[in-house]
């Protein structure tokens, strides 16, 4: 059912998805660099990190 041409098509589709993901990462990094650290509610951020940490510790591996 799959021939060599289909494999090439799949490779091109994967490359396209990878490039799009890399572009989104670059855009997210640019947005992150613009965040003013003084505007962040530190106590809320620490509470979220504590909650995330405790949920990950209790999860079986």
C-alpha atoms as a PDB file:
ATOM      1  CA  UNK A   1       0.000   0.000   0.000  1.00  0.00           C
ATOM      2  CA  UNK A   2       2.877   2.403   0.744  1.00  0.00           C
ATOM      3  CA  UNK A   3       5.382   3.043  -1.979  1.00  0.00           C
ATOM      4  CA  UNK A   4       8.540   5.137  -2.088  1.00  0.00           C
ATOM      5  CA  UNK A   5       6.692   8.283  -3.183  1.00  0.00           C
ATOM      6  CA  UNK A   6       4.436   8.125  -0.142  1.00  0.00           C
ATOM      7  CA  UNK A   7       7.497   7.911   2.107  1.00  0.00           C
ATOM      8  CA  UNK A   8       8.832  11.104   0.554  1.00  0.00           C
ATOM      9  CA  UNK A   9       5.482  12.800   1.164  1.00  0.00           C
ATOM     10  CA  UNK A  10       5.499  11.740   4.790  1.00  0.00           C
ATOM     11  CA  UNK A  11       9.062  13.028   5.225  1.00  0.00           C
ATOM     12  CA  UNK A  12       8.091  16.396   3.725  1.00  0.00           C
ATOM     13  CA  UNK A  13       5.058  16.625   6.003  1.00  0.00           C
ATOM     14  CA  UNK A  14       7.174  15.857   9.069  1.00  0.00           C
ATOM     15  CA  UNK A  15       9.768  18.462   8.075  1.00  0.00           C
ATOM     16  CA  UNK A  16       7.008  21.016   7.681  1.00  0.00           C
ATOM     17  CA  UNK A  17       5.605  20.247  11.131  1.00  0.00           C
ATOM     18  CA  UNK A  18       9.083  20.438  12.691  1.00  0.00           C
ATOM     19  CA  UNK A  19       9.762  23.823  11.072  1.00  0.00           C
ATOM     20  CA  UNK A  20       6.404  25.138  12.285  1.00  0.00           C
ATOM     21  CA  UNK A  21       7.113  23.934  15.820  1.00  0.00           C
ATOM     22  CA  UNK A  22      10.557  25.564  15.753  1.00  0.00           C
ATOM     23  CA  UNK A  23       8.968  28.819  14.626  1.00  0.00           C
ATOM     24  CA  UNK A  24       6.450  28.670  17.489  1.00  0.00           C
ATOM     25  CA  UNK A  25       9.280  28.066  19.980  1.00  0.00           C
ATOM     26  CA  UNK A  26      11.186  31.083  18.657  1.00  0.00           C
ATOM     27  CA  UNK A  27       8.052  33.244  18.922  1.00  0.00           C
ATOM     28  CA  UNK A  28       7.394  32.036  22.468  1.00  0.00           C
ATOM     29  CA  UNK A  29      10.991  32.826  23.453  1.00  0.00           C
ATOM     30  CA  UNK A  30      10.607  36.335  22.046  1.00  0.00           C
ATOM     31  CA  UNK A  31       7.377  36.860  24.030  1.00  0.00           C
ATOM     32  CA  UNK A  32       9.020  35.493  27.173  1.00  0.00           C
ATOM     33  CA  UNK A  33      11.931  37.918  26.813  1.00  0.00           C
ATOM     34  CA  UNK A  34       9.443  40.833  26.800  1.00  0.00           C
ATOM     35  CA  UNK A  35       7.829  39.903  30.140  1.00  0.00           C
ATOM     36  CA  UNK A  36       8.538  42.444  32.865  1.00  0.00           C
ATOM     37  CA  UNK A  37       9.699  40.486  35.942  1.00  0.00           C
ATOM     38  CA  UNK A  38       8.316  43.205  38.236  1.00  0.00           C
ATOM     39  CA  UNK A  39       4.791  42.580  36.919  1.00  0.00           C
ATOM     40  CA  UNK A  40       4.741  38.898  37.912  1.00  0.00           C
ATOM     41  CA  UNK A  41       2.815  37.891  41.038  1.00  0.00           C
ATOM     42  CA  UNK A  42       5.592  35.878  42.659  1.00  0.00           C
ATOM     43  CA  UNK A  43       3.454  34.285  45.371  1.00  0.00           C
ATOM     44  CA  UNK A  44       0.978  32.921  42.812  1.00  0.00           C
ATOM     45  CA  UNK A  45       3.826  31.622  40.649  1.00  0.00           C
ATOM     46  CA  UNK A  46       5.451  29.888  43.617  1.00  0.00           C
ATOM     47  CA  UNK A  47       2.126  28.331  44.634  1.00  0.00           C
ATOM     48  CA  UNK A  48       1.685  26.946  41.106  1.00  0.00           C
ATOM     49  CA  UNK A  49       5.200  25.523  41.122  1.00  0.00           C
ATOM     50  CA  UNK A  50       4.648  23.911  44.541  1.00  0.00           C
ATOM     51  CA  UNK A  51       1.411  22.329  43.326  1.00  0.00           C
ATOM     52  CA  UNK A  52       3.072  21.054  40.163  1.00  0.00           C
ATOM     53  CA  UNK A  53       6.021  19.676  42.133  1.00  0.00           C
ATOM     54  CA  UNK A  54       3.813  17.822  44.625  1.00  0.00           C
ATOM     55  CA  UNK A  55       1.605  16.329  41.874  1.00  0.00           C
ATOM     56  CA  UNK A  56       4.689  15.076  39.991  1.00  0.00           C
ATOM     57  CA  UNK A  57       6.229  13.542  43.114  1.00  0.00           C
ATOM     58  CA  UNK A  58       3.094  11.522  43.859  1.00  0.00           C
ATOM     59  CA  UNK A  59       2.747  10.241  40.275  1.00  0.00           C
ATOM     60  CA  UNK A  60       4.131   6.691  39.819  1.00  0.00           C
ATOM     61  CA  UNK A  61       6.925   6.370  37.279  1.00  0.00           C
END
